[in-house]
């Protein structure tokens, strides 16, 4: 099943954001026009994804809550002014023996 969440703001300074959840994969697409990849910092910690972008020496922070994800599988790419971050949820399976 696929879920898509988009944010379109009336404030011209807010970037376009699209979140897609499908089969254990969470994809975030964020418009960051004019930002170079060396001016992007991404931190995934304690269920929070923080993206810091710097353009013209002005930092901007974007914070999002995340489901339980595997940080070692996270990927990010910047292409044509759009930052794409892919996160993969952790599926835990527990086998319990009956005593």
C-alpha atoms as a PDB file:
ATOM      1  CA  UNK A   1       0.000   0.000   0.000  1.00  0.00           C
ATOM      2  CA  UNK A   2       1.293   3.465  -0.827  1.00  0.00           C
ATOM      3  CA  UNK A   3       0.685   6.692   1.068  1.00  0.00           C
ATOM      4  CA  UNK A   4       1.645  10.089  -0.311  1.00  0.00           C
ATOM      5  CA  UNK A   5       1.764  13.283   1.740  1.00  0.00           C
ATOM      6  CA  UNK A   6       2.514  16.613   0.091  1.00  0.00           C
ATOM      7  CA  UNK A   7       2.935  20.027   1.631  1.00  0.00           C
ATOM      8  CA  UNK A   8       2.176  23.083  -0.414  1.00  0.00           C
ATOM      9  CA  UNK A   9       2.415  26.274   1.568  1.00  0.00           C
ATOM     10  CA  UNK A  10       0.959  29.689   0.862  1.00  0.00           C
ATOM     11  CA  UNK A  11       4.230  31.123   2.146  1.00  0.00           C
ATOM     12  CA  UNK A  12       6.535  31.512  -0.856  1.00  0.00           C
ATOM     13  CA  UNK A  13       9.570  30.890   1.380  1.00  0.00           C
ATOM     14  CA  UNK A  14       8.415  27.383   2.370  1.00  0.00           C
ATOM     15  CA  UNK A  15       9.827  24.663   0.107  1.00  0.00           C
ATOM     16  CA  UNK A  16       7.736  22.026  -1.631  1.00  0.00           C
ATOM     17  CA  UNK A  17       7.776  18.728   0.246  1.00  0.00           C
ATOM     18  CA  UNK A  18       6.520  15.290  -0.747  1.00  0.00           C
ATOM     19  CA  UNK A  19       6.603  12.205   1.483  1.00  0.00           C
ATOM     20  CA  UNK A  20       5.873   8.772   0.086  1.00  0.00           C
ATOM     21  CA  UNK A  21       5.489   5.625   2.188  1.00  0.00           C
ATOM     22  CA  UNK A  22       5.458   2.321   0.310  1.00  0.00           C
ATOM     23  CA  UNK A  23       6.409  -1.216   1.325  1.00  0.00           C
ATOM     24  CA  UNK A  24       8.689  -0.220   4.195  1.00  0.00           C
ATOM     25  CA  UNK A  25      10.339   2.607   2.270  1.00  0.00           C
ATOM     26  CA  UNK A  26       9.905   6.272   3.155  1.00  0.00           C
ATOM     27  CA  UNK A  27      10.939   8.758   0.459  1.00  0.00           C
ATOM     28  CA  UNK A  28      11.200  12.468   1.197  1.00  0.00           C
ATOM     29  CA  UNK A  29      11.551  14.964  -1.655  1.00  0.00           C
ATOM     30  CA  UNK A  30      12.379  18.534  -0.683  1.00  0.00           C
ATOM     31  CA  UNK A  31      12.933  21.498  -2.995  1.00  0.00           C
ATOM     32  CA  UNK A  32      16.256  23.165  -2.215  1.00  0.00           C
ATOM     33  CA  UNK A  33      16.909  25.409  -5.220  1.00  0.00           C
ATOM     34  CA  UNK A  34      20.314  27.056  -5.323  1.00  0.00           C
ATOM     35  CA  UNK A  35      21.738  24.853  -2.548  1.00  0.00           C
ATOM     36  CA  UNK A  36      24.930  22.908  -3.310  1.00  0.00           C
ATOM     37  CA  UNK A  37      25.334  19.397  -1.935  1.00  0.00           C
ATOM     38  CA  UNK A  38      28.275  20.483   0.232  1.00  0.00           C
ATOM     39  CA  UNK A  39      25.847  22.902   1.952  1.00  0.00           C
ATOM     40  CA  UNK A  40      23.449  20.163   3.045  1.00  0.00           C
ATOM     41  CA  UNK A  41      23.677  18.312   6.356  1.00  0.00           C
ATOM     42  CA  UNK A  42      21.360  15.427   7.162  1.00  0.00           C
ATOM     43  CA  UNK A  43      21.074  13.967  10.662  1.00  0.00           C
ATOM     44  CA  UNK A  44      18.882  11.029  11.616  1.00  0.00           C
ATOM     45  CA  UNK A  45      18.640  10.681  15.383  1.00  0.00           C
ATOM     46  CA  UNK A  46      16.078   9.464  17.910  1.00  0.00           C
ATOM     47  CA  UNK A  47      13.189   9.293  15.450  1.00  0.00           C
ATOM     48  CA  UNK A  48      13.886  12.726  14.002  1.00  0.00           C
ATOM     49  CA  UNK A  49      15.256  13.589  10.565  1.00  0.00           C
ATOM     50  CA  UNK A  50      16.931  16.998  10.500  1.00  0.00           C
ATOM     51  CA  UNK A  51      18.017  18.592   7.243  1.00  0.00           C
ATOM     52  CA  UNK A  52      20.125  21.741   7.394  1.00  0.00           C
ATOM     53  CA  UNK A  53      20.575  23.656   4.159  1.00  0.00           C
ATOM     54  CA  UNK A  54      22.713  26.754   3.737  1.00  0.00           C
ATOM     55  CA  UNK A  55      22.267  29.187   0.876  1.00  0.00           C
ATOM     56  CA  UNK A  56      23.916  32.603   0.714  1.00  0.00           C
ATOM     57  CA  UNK A  57      25.303  31.967   4.230  1.00  0.00           C
ATOM     58  CA  UNK A  58      21.761  31.631   5.624  1.00  0.00           C
ATOM     59  CA  UNK A  59      21.007  28.279   7.299  1.00  0.00           C
ATOM     60  CA  UNK A  60      17.548  26.731   7.129  1.00  0.00           C
ATOM     61  CA  UNK A  61      16.447  23.751   9.211  1.00  0.00           C
ATOM     62  CA  UNK A  62      13.786  21.202   8.298  1.00  0.00           C
ATOM     63  CA  UNK A  63      12.757  18.639  10.941  1.00  0.00           C
ATOM     64  CA  UNK A  64      10.532  15.620  10.485  1.00  0.00           C
ATOM     65  CA  UNK A  65       9.475  12.765  12.750  1.00  0.00           C
ATOM     66  CA  UNK A  66      10.256   9.354  11.327  1.00  0.00           C
ATOM     67  CA  UNK A  67       9.120   5.833  12.022  1.00  0.00           C
ATOM     68  CA  UNK A  68      11.737   3.377  13.301  1.00  0.00           C
ATOM     69  CA  UNK A  69      14.254   3.269  10.449  1.00  0.00           C
ATOM     70  CA  UNK A  70      17.615   1.673   9.760  1.00  0.00           C
ATOM     71  CA  UNK A  71      20.064   4.604   9.508  1.00  0.00           C
ATOM     72  CA  UNK A  72      22.679   2.445   7.782  1.00  0.00           C
ATOM     73  CA  UNK A  73      20.389   1.989   4.780  1.00  0.00           C
ATOM     74  CA  UNK A  74      19.490   5.681   4.437  1.00  0.00           C
ATOM     75  CA  UNK A  75      20.445   7.363   1.158  1.00  0.00           C
ATOM     76  CA  UNK A  76      20.299  10.918  -0.128  1.00  0.00           C
ATOM     77  CA  UNK A  77      20.850  12.549  -3.506  1.00  0.00           C
ATOM     78  CA  UNK A  78      20.574  16.060  -4.885  1.00  0.00           C
ATOM     79  CA  UNK A  79      19.431  16.454  -8.454  1.00  0.00           C
ATOM     80  CA  UNK A  80      18.080  19.534 -10.234  1.00  0.00           C
ATOM     81  CA  UNK A  81      17.434  21.379  -6.955  1.00  0.00           C
ATOM     82  CA  UNK A  82      15.488  18.515  -5.379  1.00  0.00           C
ATOM     83  CA  UNK A  83      16.877  16.621  -2.386  1.00  0.00           C
ATOM     84  CA  UNK A  84      15.650  13.031  -2.193  1.00  0.00           C
ATOM     85  CA  UNK A  85      16.132  11.110   1.055  1.00  0.00           C
ATOM     86  CA  UNK A  86      15.204   7.425   1.268  1.00  0.00           C
ATOM     87  CA  UNK A  87      14.684   5.719   4.609  1.00  0.00           C
ATOM     88  CA  UNK A  88      13.838   2.091   5.238  1.00  0.00           C
ATOM     89  CA  UNK A  89      11.686   1.079   8.172  1.00  0.00           C
ATOM     90  CA  UNK A  90      12.829  -1.593  10.575  1.00  0.00           C
ATOM     91  CA  UNK A  91      10.678  -4.675  10.590  1.00  0.00           C
ATOM     92  CA  UNK A  92      11.207  -6.627  13.751  1.00  0.00           C
ATOM     93  CA  UNK A  93      10.140 -10.208  14.093  1.00  0.00           C
ATOM     94  CA  UNK A  94      10.215 -11.944  17.452  1.00  0.00           C
ATOM     95  CA  UNK A  95       9.795 -15.661  17.971  1.00  0.00           C
ATOM     96  CA  UNK A  96       8.605 -16.589  21.433  1.00  0.00           C
ATOM     97  CA  UNK A  97       8.828 -20.144  22.702  1.00  0.00           C
ATOM     98  CA  UNK A  98       6.049 -21.380  24.917  1.00  0.00           C
ATOM     99  CA  UNK A  99       7.414 -22.826  28.176  1.00  0.00           C
END
